[in-house]
């Protein structure tokens, strides 16, 4: 069995597997725990093991594919699609309509079934995990339609962060775009992205979300990308915008 003691150089093996685009780092860690990963012919005991760039890493006996150049795509997710590869209940997923080359892509975060707008995909599982972390500091921006008459003082409560059912939500910012009768459109921005965060924040203020569109994730914008369409981010843009390291 491969030695658990980390080497002085190289990257952690779970991170290397994630960067190869075959799994997220958490998935790679589970594979290692299940004994599915070998290094130079020996089972790997620890996901913290550091490996050299030319290490012979295999999963279920198959060589780890050569690392591809990092690629990122912008996708305009429609409503009614789950952000998952497979659904045991047979509901429609985003991957059913995406090109074959994106069949194994990793999503950067999620949008729930009834949400729409910008969703980033990448072939780099480690990058996907990094961009999801609040520590990365990327702003998520949304246009949100709610039912109810907006009170600006209520929206300001989000600026300091709120506690909802024992969960602490970091500061978010909401601005009224327009009020039309009993409905209103808001601009909401936040940097964390907990599960159903925007919906839970609005419910906390007494408003019901009837439409939710993500318009930006960090420096990447939805823009005029048609619903259901996907566009690759140019390599030069990635070099300028992605975190270093």
C-alpha atoms as a PDB file:
ATOM      1  CA  UNK A   1       0.000   0.000   0.000  1.00  0.00           C
ATOM      2  CA  UNK A   2       1.333   3.449  -0.934  1.00  0.00           C
ATOM      3  CA  UNK A   3       2.959   5.316   1.965  1.00  0.00           C
ATOM      4  CA  UNK A   4       0.678   7.784   3.758  1.00  0.00           C
ATOM      5  CA  UNK A   5       3.505  10.229   4.516  1.00  0.00           C
ATOM      6  CA  UNK A   6       3.276  13.254   2.193  1.00  0.00           C
ATOM      7  CA  UNK A   7       6.276  13.919  -0.024  1.00  0.00           C
ATOM      8  CA  UNK A   8       7.975  17.294   0.088  1.00  0.00           C
ATOM      9  CA  UNK A   9       7.035  18.207  -3.479  1.00  0.00           C
ATOM     10  CA  UNK A  10       4.183  17.672  -5.892  1.00  0.00           C
ATOM     11  CA  UNK A  11       0.431  17.936  -5.328  1.00  0.00           C
ATOM     12  CA  UNK A  12      -1.957  15.921  -3.221  1.00  0.00           C
ATOM     13  CA  UNK A  13      -3.192  12.926  -5.148  1.00  0.00           C
ATOM     14  CA  UNK A  14      -6.879  13.771  -4.674  1.00  0.00           C
ATOM     15  CA  UNK A  15      -6.198  17.216  -6.138  1.00  0.00           C
ATOM     16  CA  UNK A  16      -4.357  15.705  -9.114  1.00  0.00           C
ATOM     17  CA  UNK A  17      -7.309  13.425  -9.834  1.00  0.00           C
ATOM     18  CA  UNK A  18      -9.698  16.366  -9.630  1.00  0.00           C
ATOM     19  CA  UNK A  19      -7.556  18.440 -11.986  1.00  0.00           C
ATOM     20  CA  UNK A  20      -7.703  15.610 -14.521  1.00  0.00           C
ATOM     21  CA  UNK A  21     -11.430  16.283 -14.754  1.00  0.00           C
ATOM     22  CA  UNK A  22     -12.644  12.791 -13.839  1.00  0.00           C
ATOM     23  CA  UNK A  23     -14.025  13.659 -10.404  1.00  0.00           C
ATOM     24  CA  UNK A  24     -14.287  16.350  -7.791  1.00  0.00           C
ATOM     25  CA  UNK A  25     -11.703  16.262  -5.005  1.00  0.00           C
ATOM     26  CA  UNK A  26     -14.288  14.926  -2.583  1.00  0.00           C
ATOM     27  CA  UNK A  27     -15.207  12.159  -5.026  1.00  0.00           C
ATOM     28  CA  UNK A  28     -11.509  11.346  -5.452  1.00  0.00           C
ATOM     29  CA  UNK A  29     -11.126  11.119  -1.673  1.00  0.00           C
ATOM     30  CA  UNK A  30     -14.030   8.663  -1.517  1.00  0.00           C
ATOM     31  CA  UNK A  31     -12.467   6.578  -4.303  1.00  0.00           C
ATOM     32  CA  UNK A  32      -9.201   6.441  -2.360  1.00  0.00           C
ATOM     33  CA  UNK A  33     -11.021   5.360   0.808  1.00  0.00           C
ATOM     34  CA  UNK A  34     -12.742   2.627  -1.211  1.00  0.00           C
ATOM     35  CA  UNK A  35      -9.387   1.310  -2.464  1.00  0.00           C
ATOM     36  CA  UNK A  36     -10.063   2.163  -6.104  1.00  0.00           C
ATOM     37  CA  UNK A  37      -6.918   4.282  -6.604  1.00  0.00           C
ATOM     38  CA  UNK A  38      -3.345   3.015  -7.033  1.00  0.00           C
ATOM     39  CA  UNK A  39      -0.024   4.796  -7.278  1.00  0.00           C
ATOM     40  CA  UNK A  40       2.764   2.944  -9.118  1.00  0.00           C
ATOM     41  CA  UNK A  41       0.823  -0.274  -8.683  1.00  0.00           C
ATOM     42  CA  UNK A  42       0.112   0.040  -4.934  1.00  0.00           C
ATOM     43  CA  UNK A  43      -3.220   1.028  -3.354  1.00  0.00           C
ATOM     44  CA  UNK A  44      -3.273   4.567  -2.017  1.00  0.00           C
ATOM     45  CA  UNK A  45      -4.146   4.868   1.668  1.00  0.00           C
ATOM     46  CA  UNK A  46      -4.451   8.632   2.047  1.00  0.00           C
ATOM     47  CA  UNK A  47      -5.845  11.447  -0.124  1.00  0.00           C
ATOM     48  CA  UNK A  48      -3.192  13.704   1.448  1.00  0.00           C
ATOM     49  CA  UNK A  49      -0.371  11.827  -0.287  1.00  0.00           C
ATOM     50  CA  UNK A  50       1.725  14.121  -2.485  1.00  0.00           C
ATOM     51  CA  UNK A  51       2.676  12.810  -5.910  1.00  0.00           C
ATOM     52  CA  UNK A  52       5.086  13.831  -8.638  1.00  0.00           C
ATOM     53  CA  UNK A  53       3.761  15.162 -11.969  1.00  0.00           C
ATOM     54  CA  UNK A  54       4.738  11.937 -13.789  1.00  0.00           C
ATOM     55  CA  UNK A  55       3.218   9.586 -11.186  1.00  0.00           C
ATOM     56  CA  UNK A  56       1.422   6.490 -12.487  1.00  0.00           C
ATOM     57  CA  UNK A  57      -2.051   7.015 -11.011  1.00  0.00           C
ATOM     58  CA  UNK A  58      -4.776   4.539 -11.874  1.00  0.00           C
ATOM     59  CA  UNK A  59      -8.468   4.320 -11.010  1.00  0.00           C
ATOM     60  CA  UNK A  60      -9.948   0.828 -11.080  1.00  0.00           C
ATOM     61  CA  UNK A  61      -6.817  -0.186 -12.973  1.00  0.00           C
ATOM     62  CA  UNK A  62      -7.237   2.437 -15.684  1.00  0.00           C
ATOM     63  CA  UNK A  63      -4.577   5.139 -16.129  1.00  0.00           C
ATOM     64  CA  UNK A  64      -5.536   8.652 -15.122  1.00  0.00           C
ATOM     65  CA  UNK A  65      -6.069  10.623 -18.325  1.00  0.00           C
ATOM     66  CA  UNK A  66      -3.534  13.291 -19.157  1.00  0.00           C
ATOM     67  CA  UNK A  67      -4.550  16.596 -17.713  1.00  0.00           C
ATOM     68  CA  UNK A  68      -6.314  18.769 -20.263  1.00  0.00           C
ATOM     69  CA  UNK A  69      -5.965  22.497 -20.491  1.00  0.00           C
ATOM     70  CA  UNK A  70      -8.462  24.080 -18.115  1.00  0.00           C
ATOM     71  CA  UNK A  71     -11.680  25.016 -19.886  1.00  0.00           C
ATOM     72  CA  UNK A  72     -14.742  26.899 -18.626  1.00  0.00           C
ATOM     73  CA  UNK A  73     -18.145  27.311 -20.263  1.00  0.00           C
ATOM     74  CA  UNK A  74     -21.022  29.720 -19.617  1.00  0.00           C
ATOM     75  CA  UNK A  75     -24.420  28.013 -19.756  1.00  0.00           C
ATOM     76  CA  UNK A  76     -27.846  29.660 -19.649  1.00  0.00           C
ATOM     77  CA  UNK A  77     -29.740  27.161 -17.521  1.00  0.00           C
ATOM     78  CA  UNK A  78     -33.482  27.018 -18.210  1.00  0.00           C
ATOM     79  CA  UNK A  79     -36.094  26.441 -15.542  1.00  0.00           C
ATOM     80  CA  UNK A  80     -37.202  22.850 -15.088  1.00  0.00           C
ATOM     81  CA  UNK A  81     -33.708  21.295 -15.275  1.00  0.00           C
ATOM     82  CA  UNK A  82     -31.817  19.714 -12.383  1.00  0.00           C
ATOM     83  CA  UNK A  83     -28.152  20.592 -11.904  1.00  0.00           C
ATOM     84  CA  UNK A  84     -26.959  16.983 -11.753  1.00  0.00           C
ATOM     85  CA  UNK A  85     -25.718  14.293 -14.111  1.00  0.00           C
ATOM     86  CA  UNK A  86     -28.387  11.734 -13.236  1.00  0.00           C
ATOM     87  CA  UNK A  87     -31.672  11.787 -11.366  1.00  0.00           C
ATOM     88  CA  UNK A  88     -33.116   8.556  -9.878  1.00  0.00           C
ATOM     89  CA  UNK A  89     -36.628   9.937 -10.397  1.00  0.00           C
ATOM     90  CA  UNK A  90     -36.003  10.406 -14.103  1.00  0.00           C
ATOM     91  CA  UNK A  91     -36.428  14.181 -14.104  1.00  0.00           C
ATOM     92  CA  UNK A  92     -34.759  16.299 -16.783  1.00  0.00           C
ATOM     93  CA  UNK A  93     -31.171  17.348 -16.094  1.00  0.00           C
ATOM     94  CA  UNK A  94     -28.999  20.029 -17.681  1.00  0.00           C
ATOM     95  CA  UNK A  95     -26.698  17.386 -19.176  1.00  0.00           C
ATOM     96  CA  UNK A  96     -29.464  15.858 -21.277  1.00  0.00           C
ATOM     97  CA  UNK A  97     -29.329  18.884 -23.572  1.00  0.00           C
ATOM     98  CA  UNK A  98     -25.625  19.748 -23.399  1.00  0.00           C
ATOM     99  CA  UNK A  99     -23.064  18.696 -26.048  1.00  0.00           C
ATOM    100  CA  UNK A 100     -21.299  15.343 -25.590  1.00  0.00           C
ATOM    101  CA  UNK A 101     -17.990  17.053 -24.781  1.00  0.00           C
ATOM    102  CA  UNK A 102     -19.601  18.400 -21.607  1.00  0.00           C
ATOM    103  CA  UNK A 103     -20.941  15.036 -20.470  1.00  0.00           C
ATOM    104  CA  UNK A 104     -18.343  14.832 -17.671  1.00  0.00           C
ATOM    105  CA  UNK A 105     -18.052  18.551 -16.940  1.00  0.00           C
ATOM    106  CA  UNK A 106     -18.290  19.769 -13.358  1.00  0.00           C
ATOM    107  CA  UNK A 107     -20.676  22.551 -12.419  1.00  0.00           C
ATOM    108  CA  UNK A 108     -19.474  25.487 -10.344  1.00  0.00           C
ATOM    109  CA  UNK A 109     -22.129  25.414  -7.653  1.00  0.00           C
ATOM    110  CA  UNK A 110     -25.743  24.729  -8.520  1.00  0.00           C
ATOM    111  CA  UNK A 111     -29.019  26.327  -9.459  1.00  0.00           C
ATOM    112  CA  UNK A 112     -32.128  24.591  -8.186  1.00  0.00           C
ATOM    113  CA  UNK A 113     -34.690  23.159 -10.568  1.00  0.00           C
ATOM    114  CA  UNK A 114     -36.867  26.271 -10.656  1.00  0.00           C
ATOM    115  CA  UNK A 115     -33.988  28.727 -10.967  1.00  0.00           C
ATOM    116  CA  UNK A 116     -32.435  29.866 -14.227  1.00  0.00           C
ATOM    117  CA  UNK A 117     -29.592  31.914 -15.606  1.00  0.00           C
ATOM    118  CA  UNK A 118     -25.812  31.671 -15.567  1.00  0.00           C
ATOM    119  CA  UNK A 119     -24.209  28.374 -14.613  1.00  0.00           C
ATOM    120  CA  UNK A 120     -20.480  27.827 -15.068  1.00  0.00           C
ATOM    121  CA  UNK A 121     -19.111  24.447 -16.108  1.00  0.00           C
ATOM    122  CA  UNK A 122     -15.499  23.295 -16.234  1.00  0.00           C
ATOM    123  CA  UNK A 123     -13.391  20.235 -17.021  1.00  0.00           C
ATOM    124  CA  UNK A 124     -11.300  20.944 -13.898  1.00  0.00           C
ATOM    125  CA  UNK A 125     -12.893  19.520 -10.762  1.00  0.00           C
ATOM    126  CA  UNK A 126     -10.432  21.259  -8.452  1.00  0.00           C
ATOM    127  CA  UNK A 127     -11.162  24.625 -10.057  1.00  0.00           C
ATOM    128  CA  UNK A 128     -14.905  24.055  -9.652  1.00  0.00           C
ATOM    129  CA  UNK A 129     -14.425  23.474  -5.936  1.00  0.00           C
ATOM    130  CA  UNK A 130     -12.202  26.541  -5.565  1.00  0.00           C
ATOM    131  CA  UNK A 131     -14.664  28.861  -7.296  1.00  0.00           C
ATOM    132  CA  UNK A 132     -17.501  27.651  -5.062  1.00  0.00           C
ATOM    133  CA  UNK A 133     -15.705  28.573  -1.845  1.00  0.00           C
ATOM    134  CA  UNK A 134     -16.756  31.812  -0.098  1.00  0.00           C
ATOM    135  CA  UNK A 135     -13.045  32.482   0.482  1.00  0.00           C
ATOM    136  CA  UNK A 136     -12.631  33.040  -3.262  1.00  0.00           C
ATOM    137  CA  UNK A 137     -14.792  36.121  -2.760  1.00  0.00           C
ATOM    138  CA  UNK A 138     -16.626  36.001  -6.075  1.00  0.00           C
ATOM    139  CA  UNK A 139     -19.893  37.925  -6.169  1.00  0.00           C
ATOM    140  CA  UNK A 140     -23.030  36.093  -7.294  1.00  0.00           C
ATOM    141  CA  UNK A 141     -25.654  38.424  -8.789  1.00  0.00           C
ATOM    142  CA  UNK A 142     -29.347  37.747  -9.402  1.00  0.00           C
ATOM    143  CA  UNK A 143     -32.504  39.335 -10.733  1.00  0.00           C
ATOM    144  CA  UNK A 144     -35.357  38.148  -8.566  1.00  0.00           C
ATOM    145  CA  UNK A 145     -39.108  38.603  -8.911  1.00  0.00           C
ATOM    146  CA  UNK A 146     -40.992  38.414  -5.646  1.00  0.00           C
ATOM    147  CA  UNK A 147     -44.619  38.659  -4.577  1.00  0.00           C
ATOM    148  CA  UNK A 148     -45.148  41.421  -2.052  1.00  0.00           C
ATOM    149  CA  UNK A 149     -44.731  45.151  -1.592  1.00  0.00           C
ATOM    150  CA  UNK A 150     -41.099  45.981  -0.922  1.00  0.00           C
ATOM    151  CA  UNK A 151     -40.011  47.893   2.170  1.00  0.00           C
ATOM    152  CA  UNK A 152     -36.486  49.252   1.702  1.00  0.00           C
ATOM    153  CA  UNK A 153     -35.820  49.034   5.428  1.00  0.00           C
ATOM    154  CA  UNK A 154     -36.488  45.301   5.248  1.00  0.00           C
ATOM    155  CA  UNK A 155     -33.965  44.878   2.429  1.00  0.00           C
ATOM    156  CA  UNK A 156     -31.331  46.740   4.443  1.00  0.00           C
ATOM    157  CA  UNK A 157     -31.502  44.049   7.119  1.00  0.00           C
ATOM    158  CA  UNK A 158     -29.612  41.757   4.765  1.00  0.00           C
ATOM    159  CA  UNK A 159     -26.591  44.077   4.659  1.00  0.00           C
ATOM    160  CA  UNK A 160     -25.434  42.919   8.094  1.00  0.00           C
ATOM    161  CA  UNK A 161     -26.211  39.233   7.607  1.00  0.00           C
ATOM    162  CA  UNK A 162     -29.085  37.351   9.237  1.00  0.00           C
ATOM    163  CA  UNK A 163     -29.746  34.176  11.206  1.00  0.00           C
ATOM    164  CA  UNK A 164     -32.435  31.855   9.855  1.00  0.00           C
ATOM    165  CA  UNK A 165     -33.416  28.730  11.800  1.00  0.00           C
ATOM    166  CA  UNK A 166     -29.986  28.524  13.393  1.00  0.00           C
ATOM    167  CA  UNK A 167     -28.041  29.133  10.171  1.00  0.00           C
ATOM    168  CA  UNK A 168     -25.947  32.265   9.772  1.00  0.00           C
ATOM    169  CA  UNK A 169     -26.127  33.923   6.372  1.00  0.00           C
ATOM    170  CA  UNK A 170     -23.376  36.338   5.459  1.00  0.00           C
ATOM    171  CA  UNK A 171     -24.173  39.891   4.351  1.00  0.00           C
ATOM    172  CA  UNK A 172     -26.068  40.218   1.087  1.00  0.00           C
ATOM    173  CA  UNK A 173     -27.267  43.296  -0.738  1.00  0.00           C
ATOM    174  CA  UNK A 174     -30.708  43.771  -2.292  1.00  0.00           C
ATOM    175  CA  UNK A 175     -32.015  46.722  -4.293  1.00  0.00           C
ATOM    176  CA  UNK A 176     -35.468  47.381  -5.688  1.00  0.00           C
ATOM    177  CA  UNK A 177     -35.556  47.572  -9.480  1.00  0.00           C
ATOM    178  CA  UNK A 178     -39.279  48.195  -9.851  1.00  0.00           C
ATOM    179  CA  UNK A 179     -42.583  47.560  -8.116  1.00  0.00           C
ATOM    180  CA  UNK A 180     -45.591  46.638 -10.248  1.00  0.00           C
ATOM    181  CA  UNK A 181     -48.713  46.127  -8.192  1.00  0.00           C
ATOM    182  CA  UNK A 182     -48.189  43.258  -5.793  1.00  0.00           C
ATOM    183  CA  UNK A 183     -44.994  42.081  -7.526  1.00  0.00           C
ATOM    184  CA  UNK A 184     -41.473  43.488  -7.604  1.00  0.00           C
ATOM    185  CA  UNK A 185     -38.142  42.883  -9.307  1.00  0.00           C
ATOM    186  CA  UNK A 186     -34.997  43.035  -7.165  1.00  0.00           C
ATOM    187  CA  UNK A 187     -31.244  42.952  -7.768  1.00  0.00           C
ATOM    188  CA  UNK A 188     -29.572  40.724  -5.178  1.00  0.00           C
ATOM    189  CA  UNK A 189     -25.850  40.101  -4.729  1.00  0.00           C
ATOM    190  CA  UNK A 190     -24.034  37.811  -2.292  1.00  0.00           C
ATOM    191  CA  UNK A 191     -20.684  36.073  -1.911  1.00  0.00           C
ATOM    192  CA  UNK A 192     -21.511  32.756  -0.275  1.00  0.00           C
ATOM    193  CA  UNK A 193     -24.213  30.834  -2.098  1.00  0.00           C
ATOM    194  CA  UNK A 194     -25.687  28.443   0.471  1.00  0.00           C
ATOM    195  CA  UNK A 195     -28.355  26.025  -0.733  1.00  0.00           C
ATOM    196  CA  UNK A 196     -31.471  27.998  -1.767  1.00  0.00           C
ATOM    197  CA  UNK A 197     -29.933  31.094  -0.137  1.00  0.00           C
ATOM    198  CA  UNK A 198     -31.772  33.764  -2.130  1.00  0.00           C
ATOM    199  CA  UNK A 199     -35.134  32.060  -1.640  1.00  0.00           C
ATOM    200  CA  UNK A 200     -34.533  31.629   2.078  1.00  0.00           C
ATOM    201  CA  UNK A 201     -33.461  35.255   2.506  1.00  0.00           C
ATOM    202  CA  UNK A 202     -36.595  36.499   0.755  1.00  0.00           C
ATOM    203  CA  UNK A 203     -38.847  34.183   2.755  1.00  0.00           C
ATOM    204  CA  UNK A 204     -37.187  35.501   5.909  1.00  0.00           C
ATOM    205  CA  UNK A 205     -38.265  39.019   4.897  1.00  0.00           C
ATOM    206  CA  UNK A 206     -41.795  37.850   4.104  1.00  0.00           C
ATOM    207  CA  UNK A 207     -41.562  37.713   0.296  1.00  0.00           C
ATOM    208  CA  UNK A 208     -42.212  34.776  -2.034  1.00  0.00           C
ATOM    209  CA  UNK A 209     -39.807  34.279  -4.945  1.00  0.00           C
ATOM    210  CA  UNK A 210     -41.653  33.669  -8.211  1.00  0.00           C
ATOM    211  CA  UNK A 211     -38.659  33.875 -10.544  1.00  0.00           C
ATOM    212  CA  UNK A 212     -34.912  33.740  -9.944  1.00  0.00           C
ATOM    213  CA  UNK A 213     -32.281  34.466 -12.609  1.00  0.00           C
ATOM    214  CA  UNK A 214     -28.545  34.408 -11.919  1.00  0.00           C
ATOM    215  CA  UNK A 215     -26.968  37.129 -14.039  1.00  0.00           C
ATOM    216  CA  UNK A 216     -23.320  36.929 -12.978  1.00  0.00           C
ATOM    217  CA  UNK A 217     -20.843  34.707 -11.157  1.00  0.00           C
ATOM    218  CA  UNK A 218     -17.666  36.583 -10.333  1.00  0.00           C
ATOM    219  CA  UNK A 219     -16.357  38.228 -13.528  1.00  0.00           C
ATOM    220  CA  UNK A 220     -18.506  36.069 -15.804  1.00  0.00           C
ATOM    221  CA  UNK A 221     -21.810  37.495 -17.054  1.00  0.00           C
ATOM    222  CA  UNK A 222     -24.957  35.900 -18.457  1.00  0.00           C
ATOM    223  CA  UNK A 223     -25.226  38.765 -20.930  1.00  0.00           C
ATOM    224  CA  UNK A 224     -27.322  37.957 -24.006  1.00  0.00           C
ATOM    225  CA  UNK A 225     -26.548  34.231 -24.008  1.00  0.00           C
ATOM    226  CA  UNK A 226     -29.771  32.551 -25.228  1.00  0.00           C
ATOM    227  CA  UNK A 227     -31.640  30.256 -22.858  1.00  0.00           C
ATOM    228  CA  UNK A 228     -30.360  26.682 -23.095  1.00  0.00           C
ATOM    229  CA  UNK A 229     -27.190  27.684 -24.951  1.00  0.00           C
ATOM    230  CA  UNK A 230     -23.567  27.186 -23.887  1.00  0.00           C
ATOM    231  CA  UNK A 231     -20.474  29.184 -24.840  1.00  0.00           C
ATOM    232  CA  UNK A 232     -16.836  28.484 -23.984  1.00  0.00           C
ATOM    233  CA  UNK A 233     -14.919  31.240 -22.213  1.00  0.00           C
ATOM    234  CA  UNK A 234     -11.848  32.203 -24.303  1.00  0.00           C
ATOM    235  CA  UNK A 235      -8.523  30.987 -22.895  1.00  0.00           C
ATOM    236  CA  UNK A 236      -7.133  34.532 -22.704  1.00  0.00           C
ATOM    237  CA  UNK A 237     -10.101  35.578 -20.541  1.00  0.00           C
ATOM    238  CA  UNK A 238      -9.496  32.630 -18.212  1.00  0.00           C
ATOM    239  CA  UNK A 239      -5.863  33.593 -17.788  1.00  0.00           C
ATOM    240  CA  UNK A 240      -6.942  37.083 -16.743  1.00  0.00           C
ATOM    241  CA  UNK A 241      -9.845  36.132 -14.484  1.00  0.00           C
ATOM    242  CA  UNK A 242      -9.137  32.834 -12.739  1.00  0.00           C
ATOM    243  CA  UNK A 243      -7.476  32.716  -9.303  1.00  0.00           C
ATOM    244  CA  UNK A 244      -3.745  32.034  -9.364  1.00  0.00           C
ATOM    245  CA  UNK A 245      -2.237  28.910  -7.853  1.00  0.00           C
END
